[in-house]
PDB file of N, CA and C in Angstrom:
ATOM      1  N   UNK A   1       9.423 -21.174 -14.794  1.00  0.00           N
ATOM      2  CA  UNK A   1       8.618 -20.106 -14.228  1.00  0.00           C
ATOM      3  C   UNK A   1       7.949 -19.339 -15.356  1.00  0.00           C
ATOM      4  N   UNK A   2       6.707 -19.047 -15.180  1.00  0.00           N
ATOM      5  CA  UNK A   2       5.924 -18.313 -16.149  1.00  0.00           C
ATOM      6  C   UNK A   2       6.437 -16.864 -16.238  1.00  0.00           C
ATOM      7  N   UNK A   3       6.694 -16.341 -17.451  1.00  0.00           N
ATOM      8  CA  UNK A   3       7.195 -14.958 -17.572  1.00  0.00           C
ATOM      9  C   UNK A   3       6.285 -13.930 -16.930  1.00  0.00           C
ATOM     10  N   UNK A   4       4.993 -14.217 -16.824  1.00  0.00           N
ATOM     11  CA  UNK A   4       4.080 -13.253 -16.220  1.00  0.00           C
ATOM     12  C   UNK A   4       4.247 -13.197 -14.708  1.00  0.00           C
ATOM     13  N   UNK A   5       4.864 -14.215 -14.101  1.00  0.00           N
ATOM     14  CA  UNK A   5       5.045 -14.212 -12.654  1.00  0.00           C
ATOM     15  C   UNK A   5       6.420 -13.686 -12.248  1.00  0.00           C
ATOM     16  N   UNK A   6       7.278 -13.446 -13.227  1.00  0.00           N
ATOM     17  CA  UNK A   6       8.592 -12.893 -12.911  1.00  0.00           C
ATOM     18  C   UNK A   6       8.436 -11.459 -12.427  1.00  0.00           C
ATOM     19  N   UNK A   7       9.215 -11.059 -11.419  1.00  0.00           N
ATOM     20  CA  UNK A   7       9.115  -9.669 -10.963  1.00  0.00           C
ATOM     21  C   UNK A   7       9.599  -8.704 -12.048  1.00  0.00           C
ATOM     22  N   UNK A   8       8.920  -7.595 -12.151  1.00  0.00           N
ATOM     23  CA  UNK A   8       9.353  -6.539 -13.060  1.00  0.00           C
ATOM     24  C   UNK A   8      10.340  -5.683 -12.285  1.00  0.00           C
ATOM     25  N   UNK A   9      11.440  -5.359 -12.919  1.00  0.00           N
ATOM     26  CA  UNK A   9      12.423  -4.519 -12.246  1.00  0.00           C
ATOM     27  C   UNK A   9      12.754  -3.312 -13.105  1.00  0.00           C
ATOM     28  N   UNK A  10      13.137  -2.235 -12.423  1.00  0.00           N
ATOM     29  CA  UNK A  10      13.661  -1.051 -13.088  1.00  0.00           C
ATOM     30  C   UNK A  10      15.018  -0.761 -12.490  1.00  0.00           C
ATOM     31  N   UNK A  11      15.806  -0.052 -13.250  1.00  0.00           N
ATOM     32  CA  UNK A  11      17.179   0.232 -12.859  1.00  0.00           C
ATOM     33  C   UNK A  11      17.432   1.724 -13.020  1.00  0.00           C
ATOM     34  N   UNK A  12      18.078   2.312 -12.010  1.00  0.00           N
ATOM     35  CA  UNK A  12      18.448   3.727 -12.098  1.00  0.00           C
ATOM     36  C   UNK A  12      19.793   3.934 -11.413  1.00  0.00           C
ATOM     37  N   UNK A  13      20.534   4.900 -11.917  1.00  0.00           N
ATOM     38  CA  UNK A  13      21.777   5.296 -11.240  1.00  0.00           C
ATOM     39  C   UNK A  13      21.599   6.637 -10.529  1.00  0.00           C
ATOM     40  N   UNK A  14      20.389   7.185 -10.578  1.00  0.00           N
ATOM     41  CA  UNK A  14      20.061   8.451  -9.922  1.00  0.00           C
ATOM     42  C   UNK A  14      19.797   8.188  -8.434  1.00  0.00           C
ATOM     43  N   UNK A  15      20.721   8.598  -7.590  1.00  0.00           N
ATOM     44  CA  UNK A  15      20.647   8.340  -6.154  1.00  0.00           C
ATOM     45  C   UNK A  15      19.356   8.875  -5.534  1.00  0.00           C
ATOM     46  N   UNK A  16      18.968  10.079  -5.889  1.00  0.00           N
ATOM     47  CA  UNK A  16      17.808  10.702  -5.252  1.00  0.00           C
ATOM     48  C   UNK A  16      16.495  10.079  -5.742  1.00  0.00           C
ATOM     49  N   UNK A  17      16.428   9.712  -7.002  1.00  0.00           N
ATOM     50  CA  UNK A  17      15.254   9.002  -7.503  1.00  0.00           C
ATOM     51  C   UNK A  17      15.162   7.626  -6.849  1.00  0.00           C
ATOM     52  N   UNK A  18      16.303   6.965  -6.693  1.00  0.00           N
ATOM     53  CA  UNK A  18      16.328   5.664  -6.018  1.00  0.00           C
ATOM     54  C   UNK A  18      15.868   5.807  -4.567  1.00  0.00           C
ATOM     55  N   UNK A  19      16.290   6.872  -3.907  1.00  0.00           N
ATOM     56  CA  UNK A  19      15.863   7.103  -2.523  1.00  0.00           C
ATOM     57  C   UNK A  19      14.355   7.335  -2.459  1.00  0.00           C
ATOM     58  N   UNK A  20      13.818   8.045  -3.434  1.00  0.00           N
ATOM     59  CA  UNK A  20      12.366   8.260  -3.520  1.00  0.00           C
ATOM     60  C   UNK A  20      11.648   6.921  -3.673  1.00  0.00           C
ATOM     61  N   UNK A  21      12.110   6.087  -4.605  1.00  0.00           N
ATOM     62  CA  UNK A  21      11.475   4.784  -4.817  1.00  0.00           C
ATOM     63  C   UNK A  21      11.546   3.920  -3.563  1.00  0.00           C
ATOM     64  N   UNK A  22      12.688   3.950  -2.901  1.00  0.00           N
ATOM     65  CA  UNK A  22      12.841   3.161  -1.674  1.00  0.00           C
ATOM     66  C   UNK A  22      11.933   3.698  -0.573  1.00  0.00           C
ATOM     67  N   UNK A  23      11.813   5.002  -0.472  1.00  0.00           N
ATOM     68  CA  UNK A  23      10.990   5.617   0.569  1.00  0.00           C
ATOM     69  C   UNK A  23       9.511   5.296   0.388  1.00  0.00           C
ATOM     70  N   UNK A  24       9.047   5.222  -0.855  1.00  0.00           N
ATOM     71  CA  UNK A  24       7.633   4.902  -1.052  1.00  0.00           C
ATOM     72  C   UNK A  24       7.359   3.404  -0.958  1.00  0.00           C
ATOM     73  N   UNK A  25       8.410   2.614  -0.767  1.00  0.00           N
ATOM     74  CA  UNK A  25       8.202   1.203  -0.456  1.00  0.00           C
ATOM     75  C   UNK A  25       8.582   0.195  -1.514  1.00  0.00           C
ATOM     76  N   UNK A  26       9.179   0.619  -2.610  1.00  0.00           N
ATOM     77  CA  UNK A  26       9.609  -0.365  -3.595  1.00  0.00           C
ATOM     78  C   UNK A  26      10.813  -1.130  -3.051  1.00  0.00           C
ATOM     79  N   UNK A  27      10.790  -2.458  -3.163  1.00  0.00           N
ATOM     80  CA  UNK A  27      11.918  -3.239  -2.660  1.00  0.00           C
ATOM     81  C   UNK A  27      13.154  -3.094  -3.550  1.00  0.00           C
ATOM     82  N   UNK A  28      14.274  -2.821  -2.931  1.00  0.00           N
ATOM     83  CA  UNK A  28      15.558  -2.795  -3.625  1.00  0.00           C
ATOM     84  C   UNK A  28      15.991  -4.240  -3.809  1.00  0.00           C
ATOM     85  N   UNK A  29      16.164  -4.673  -5.065  1.00  0.00           N
ATOM     86  CA  UNK A  29      16.493  -6.072  -5.323  1.00  0.00           C
ATOM     87  C   UNK A  29      17.927  -6.273  -5.791  1.00  0.00           C
ATOM     88  N   UNK A  30      18.641  -5.196  -6.065  1.00  0.00           N
ATOM     89  CA  UNK A  30      20.025  -5.322  -6.493  1.00  0.00           C
ATOM     90  C   UNK A  30      20.697  -3.976  -6.598  1.00  0.00           C
ATOM     91  N   UNK A  31      22.016  -4.021  -6.596  1.00  0.00           N
ATOM     92  CA  UNK A  31      22.799  -2.791  -6.762  1.00  0.00           C
ATOM     93  C   UNK A  31      24.097  -3.119  -7.497  1.00  0.00           C
ATOM     94  N   UNK A  32      23.974  -3.542  -8.764  1.00  0.00           N
ATOM     95  CA  UNK A  32      25.177  -3.892  -9.526  1.00  0.00           C
ATOM     96  C   UNK A  32      26.026  -2.666  -9.871  1.00  0.00           C
ATOM     97  N   UNK A  33      27.303  -2.906  -9.997  1.00  0.00           N
ATOM     98  CA  UNK A  33      28.240  -1.850 -10.384  1.00  0.00           C
ATOM     99  C   UNK A  33      28.652  -2.027 -11.836  1.00  0.00           C
ATOM    100  N   UNK A  34      28.841  -0.912 -12.502  1.00  0.00           N
ATOM    101  CA  UNK A  34      29.417  -0.884 -13.844  1.00  0.00           C
ATOM    102  C   UNK A  34      30.505   0.172 -13.812  1.00  0.00           C
ATOM    103  N   UNK A  35      31.721  -0.268 -13.676  1.00  0.00           N
ATOM    104  CA  UNK A  35      32.816   0.672 -13.497  1.00  0.00           C
ATOM    105  C   UNK A  35      32.678   1.362 -12.157  1.00  0.00           C
ATOM    106  N   UNK A  36      32.676   2.694 -12.171  1.00  0.00           N
ATOM    107  CA  UNK A  36      32.522   3.470 -10.937  1.00  0.00           C
ATOM    108  C   UNK A  36      31.071   3.780 -10.605  1.00  0.00           C
ATOM    109  N   UNK A  37      30.148   3.351 -11.447  1.00  0.00           N
ATOM    110  CA  UNK A  37      28.734   3.695 -11.275  1.00  0.00           C
ATOM    111  C   UNK A  37      27.966   2.537 -10.631  1.00  0.00           C
ATOM    112  N   UNK A  38      27.110   2.893  -9.683  1.00  0.00           N
ATOM    113  CA  UNK A  38      26.222   1.914  -9.060  1.00  0.00           C
ATOM    114  C   UNK A  38      24.822   2.120  -9.618  1.00  0.00           C
ATOM    115  N   UNK A  39      24.189   1.030  -9.998  1.00  0.00           N
ATOM    116  CA  UNK A  39      22.798   1.063 -10.462  1.00  0.00           C
ATOM    117  C   UNK A  39      21.941   0.419  -9.387  1.00  0.00           C
ATOM    118  N   UNK A  40      20.820   1.032  -9.096  1.00  0.00           N
ATOM    119  CA  UNK A  40      19.891   0.505  -8.103  1.00  0.00           C
ATOM    120  C   UNK A  40      18.735  -0.146  -8.847  1.00  0.00           C
ATOM    121  N   UNK A  41      18.431  -1.387  -8.490  1.00  0.00           N
ATOM    122  CA  UNK A  41      17.354  -2.121  -9.149  1.00  0.00           C
ATOM    123  C   UNK A  41      16.211  -2.339  -8.167  1.00  0.00           C
ATOM    124  N   UNK A  42      15.005  -2.008  -8.616  1.00  0.00           N
ATOM    125  CA  UNK A  42      13.812  -2.104  -7.779  1.00  0.00           C
ATOM    126  C   UNK A  42      12.770  -3.006  -8.417  1.00  0.00           C
ATOM    127  N   UNK A  43      12.051  -3.738  -7.568  1.00  0.00           N
ATOM    128  CA  UNK A  43      10.930  -4.566  -8.009  1.00  0.00           C
ATOM    129  C   UNK A  43       9.706  -3.658  -8.142  1.00  0.00           C
ATOM    130  N   UNK A  44       9.167  -3.577  -9.355  1.00  0.00           N
ATOM    131  CA  UNK A  44       8.016  -2.702  -9.604  1.00  0.00           C
ATOM    132  C   UNK A  44       6.766  -3.494  -9.966  1.00  0.00           C
ATOM    133  N   UNK A  45       6.773  -4.783  -9.661  1.00  0.00           N
ATOM    134  CA  UNK A  45       5.654  -5.627 -10.086  1.00  0.00           C
ATOM    135  C   UNK A  45       4.346  -5.289  -9.375  1.00  0.00           C
ATOM    136  N   UNK A  46       4.398  -4.628  -8.233  1.00  0.00           N
ATOM    137  CA  UNK A  46       3.176  -4.332  -7.481  1.00  0.00           C
ATOM    138  C   UNK A  46       2.802  -2.862  -7.478  1.00  0.00           C
ATOM    139  N   UNK A  47       3.324  -2.089  -8.441  1.00  0.00           N
ATOM    140  CA  UNK A  47       3.006  -0.653  -8.451  1.00  0.00           C
ATOM    141  C   UNK A  47       2.893  -0.158  -9.885  1.00  0.00           C
ATOM    142  N   UNK A  48       2.430   1.054 -10.021  1.00  0.00           N
ATOM    143  CA  UNK A  48       2.370   1.726 -11.317  1.00  0.00           C
ATOM    144  C   UNK A  48       3.626   2.590 -11.434  1.00  0.00           C
ATOM    145  N   UNK A  49       4.706   1.964 -11.884  1.00  0.00           N
ATOM    146  CA  UNK A  49       6.006   2.633 -11.930  1.00  0.00           C
ATOM    147  C   UNK A  49       5.977   3.900 -12.785  1.00  0.00           C
ATOM    148  N   UNK A  50       5.324   3.845 -13.926  1.00  0.00           N
ATOM    149  CA  UNK A  50       5.312   5.011 -14.822  1.00  0.00           C
ATOM    150  C   UNK A  50       4.673   6.223 -14.151  1.00  0.00           C
ATOM    151  N   UNK A  51       3.640   5.998 -13.356  1.00  0.00           N
ATOM    152  CA  UNK A  51       3.013   7.111 -12.625  1.00  0.00           C
ATOM    153  C   UNK A  51       3.944   7.663 -11.561  1.00  0.00           C
ATOM    154  N   UNK A  52       4.632   6.768 -10.845  1.00  0.00           N
ATOM    155  CA  UNK A  52       5.585   7.212  -9.820  1.00  0.00           C
ATOM    156  C   UNK A  52       6.719   8.014 -10.445  1.00  0.00           C
ATOM    157  N   UNK A  53       7.218   7.523 -11.568  1.00  0.00           N
ATOM    158  CA  UNK A  53       8.304   8.229 -12.259  1.00  0.00           C
ATOM    159  C   UNK A  53       7.840   9.606 -12.730  1.00  0.00           C
ATOM    160  N   UNK A  54       6.630   9.671 -13.287  1.00  0.00           N
ATOM    161  CA  UNK A  54       6.103  10.959 -13.759  1.00  0.00           C
ATOM    162  C   UNK A  54       5.954  11.942 -12.604  1.00  0.00           C
ATOM    163  N   UNK A  55       5.446  11.469 -11.466  1.00  0.00           N
ATOM    164  CA  UNK A  55       5.323  12.343 -10.297  1.00  0.00           C
ATOM    165  C   UNK A  55       6.676  12.902  -9.894  1.00  0.00           C
ATOM    166  N   UNK A  56       7.697  12.043  -9.831  1.00  0.00           N
ATOM    167  CA  UNK A  56       9.035  12.476  -9.411  1.00  0.00           C
ATOM    168  C   UNK A  56       9.609  13.521 -10.371  1.00  0.00           C
ATOM    169  N   UNK A  57       9.585  13.216 -11.653  1.00  0.00           N
ATOM    170  CA  UNK A  57      10.226  14.100 -12.613  1.00  0.00           C
ATOM    171  C   UNK A  57       9.404  15.354 -12.931  1.00  0.00           C
ATOM    172  N   UNK A  58       8.139  15.377 -12.513  1.00  0.00           N
ATOM    173  CA  UNK A  58       7.336  16.600 -12.620  1.00  0.00           C
ATOM    174  C   UNK A  58       7.353  17.407 -11.330  1.00  0.00           C
ATOM    175  N   UNK A  59       8.143  16.977 -10.351  1.00  0.00           N
ATOM    176  CA  UNK A  59       8.262  17.703  -9.098  1.00  0.00           C
ATOM    177  C   UNK A  59       7.060  17.547  -8.189  1.00  0.00           C
ATOM    178  N   UNK A  60       6.270  16.495  -8.397  1.00  0.00           N
ATOM    179  CA  UNK A  60       5.065  16.303  -7.600  1.00  0.00           C
ATOM    180  C   UNK A  60       5.135  15.074  -6.691  1.00  0.00           C
ATOM    181  N   UNK A  61       6.208  14.314  -6.771  1.00  0.00           N
ATOM    182  CA  UNK A  61       6.360  13.141  -5.915  1.00  0.00           C
ATOM    183  C   UNK A  61       6.713  13.588  -4.506  1.00  0.00           C
ATOM    184  N   UNK A  62       5.874  13.243  -3.544  1.00  0.00           N
ATOM    185  CA  UNK A  62       6.086  13.714  -2.178  1.00  0.00           C
ATOM    186  C   UNK A  62       6.250  12.539  -1.230  1.00  0.00           C
ATOM    187  N   UNK A  63       7.266  12.639  -0.393  1.00  0.00           N
ATOM    188  CA  UNK A  63       7.516  11.655   0.657  1.00  0.00           C
ATOM    189  C   UNK A  63       7.935  12.421   1.906  1.00  0.00           C
ATOM    190  N   UNK A  64       7.879  11.754   3.041  1.00  0.00           N
ATOM    191  CA  UNK A  64       8.303  12.391   4.293  1.00  0.00           C
ATOM    192  C   UNK A  64       9.819  12.605   4.267  1.00  0.00           C
ATOM    193  N   UNK A  65      10.247  13.709   4.831  1.00  0.00           N
ATOM    194  CA  UNK A  65      11.656  14.111   4.768  1.00  0.00           C
ATOM    195  C   UNK A  65      12.593  13.149   5.494  1.00  0.00           C
ATOM    196  N   UNK A  66      12.250  12.725   6.705  1.00  0.00           N
ATOM    197  CA  UNK A  66      13.161  11.877   7.482  1.00  0.00           C
ATOM    198  C   UNK A  66      13.384  10.517   6.819  1.00  0.00           C
ATOM    199  N   UNK A  67      12.341   9.799   6.391  1.00  0.00           N
ATOM    200  CA  UNK A  67      12.605   8.536   5.699  1.00  0.00           C
ATOM    201  C   UNK A  67      13.373   8.725   4.388  1.00  0.00           C
ATOM    202  N   UNK A  68      13.113   9.827   3.675  1.00  0.00           N
ATOM    203  CA  UNK A  68      13.849  10.110   2.439  1.00  0.00           C
ATOM    204  C   UNK A  68      15.325  10.321   2.740  1.00  0.00           C
ATOM    205  N   UNK A  69      15.619  11.092   3.780  1.00  0.00           N
ATOM    206  CA  UNK A  69      17.001  11.317   4.197  1.00  0.00           C
ATOM    207  C   UNK A  69      17.677  10.009   4.593  1.00  0.00           C
ATOM    208  N   UNK A  70      16.965   9.165   5.308  1.00  0.00           N
ATOM    209  CA  UNK A  70      17.522   7.870   5.708  1.00  0.00           C
ATOM    210  C   UNK A  70      17.793   6.974   4.500  1.00  0.00           C
ATOM    211  N   UNK A  71      16.918   7.032   3.503  1.00  0.00           N
ATOM    212  CA  UNK A  71      17.134   6.257   2.278  1.00  0.00           C
ATOM    213  C   UNK A  71      18.369   6.749   1.534  1.00  0.00           C
ATOM    214  N   UNK A  72      18.557   8.059   1.482  1.00  0.00           N
ATOM    215  CA  UNK A  72      19.748   8.617   0.830  1.00  0.00           C
ATOM    216  C   UNK A  72      21.001   8.096   1.522  1.00  0.00           C
ATOM    217  N   UNK A  73      21.020   8.146   2.846  1.00  0.00           N
ATOM    218  CA  UNK A  73      22.184   7.666   3.597  1.00  0.00           C
ATOM    219  C   UNK A  73      22.432   6.184   3.352  1.00  0.00           C
ATOM    220  N   UNK A  74      21.368   5.408   3.347  1.00  0.00           N
ATOM    221  CA  UNK A  74      21.478   3.971   3.121  1.00  0.00           C
ATOM    222  C   UNK A  74      22.039   3.670   1.730  1.00  0.00           C
ATOM    223  N   UNK A  75      21.520   4.351   0.725  1.00  0.00           N
ATOM    224  CA  UNK A  75      21.987   4.121  -0.638  1.00  0.00           C
ATOM    225  C   UNK A  75      23.404   4.633  -0.857  1.00  0.00           C
ATOM    226  N   UNK A  76      23.760   5.727  -0.204  1.00  0.00           N
ATOM    227  CA  UNK A  76      25.138   6.223  -0.286  1.00  0.00           C
ATOM    228  C   UNK A  76      26.113   5.205   0.296  1.00  0.00           C
ATOM    229  N   UNK A  77      25.697   4.545   1.361  1.00  0.00           N
ATOM    230  CA  UNK A  77      26.583   3.544   1.967  1.00  0.00           C
ATOM    231  C   UNK A  77      26.823   2.398   0.974  1.00  0.00           C
ATOM    232  N   UNK A  78      25.819   2.064   0.172  1.00  0.00           N
ATOM    233  CA  UNK A  78      26.010   1.042  -0.865  1.00  0.00           C
ATOM    234  C   UNK A  78      26.991   1.530  -1.902  1.00  0.00           C
ATOM    235  N   UNK A  79      26.915   2.805  -2.263  1.00  0.00           N
ATOM    236  CA  UNK A  79      27.826   3.379  -3.267  1.00  0.00           C
ATOM    237  C   UNK A  79      29.278   3.352  -2.815  1.00  0.00           C
ATOM    238  N   UNK A  80      29.485   3.500  -1.514  1.00  0.00           N
ATOM    239  CA  UNK A  80      30.854   3.611  -0.994  1.00  0.00           C
ATOM    240  C   UNK A  80      31.407   2.300  -0.471  1.00  0.00           C
ATOM    241  N   UNK A  81      30.732   1.198  -0.764  1.00  0.00           N
ATOM    242  CA  UNK A  81      31.223  -0.113  -0.324  1.00  0.00           C
ATOM    243  C   UNK A  81      32.378  -0.550  -1.201  1.00  0.00           C
TER     244      UNK A  81
END
């Protein structure tokens, strides 16, 4: 497989940032554990991840409340498996 066709992934252990990424539509591709910590891995090959990250950490990333809440619940369930 050509390296340029491989999906780009990012990894975070920040539950709320992961919920934001999931809410805006990034596919969750993995959730590996390292000790007691869960890392969420997202495919970012079809988006401008750096812009999304900047929006979130500058307090400007906006998503609808109900889908964000549902993403938090979904990701928490992964943490408690």
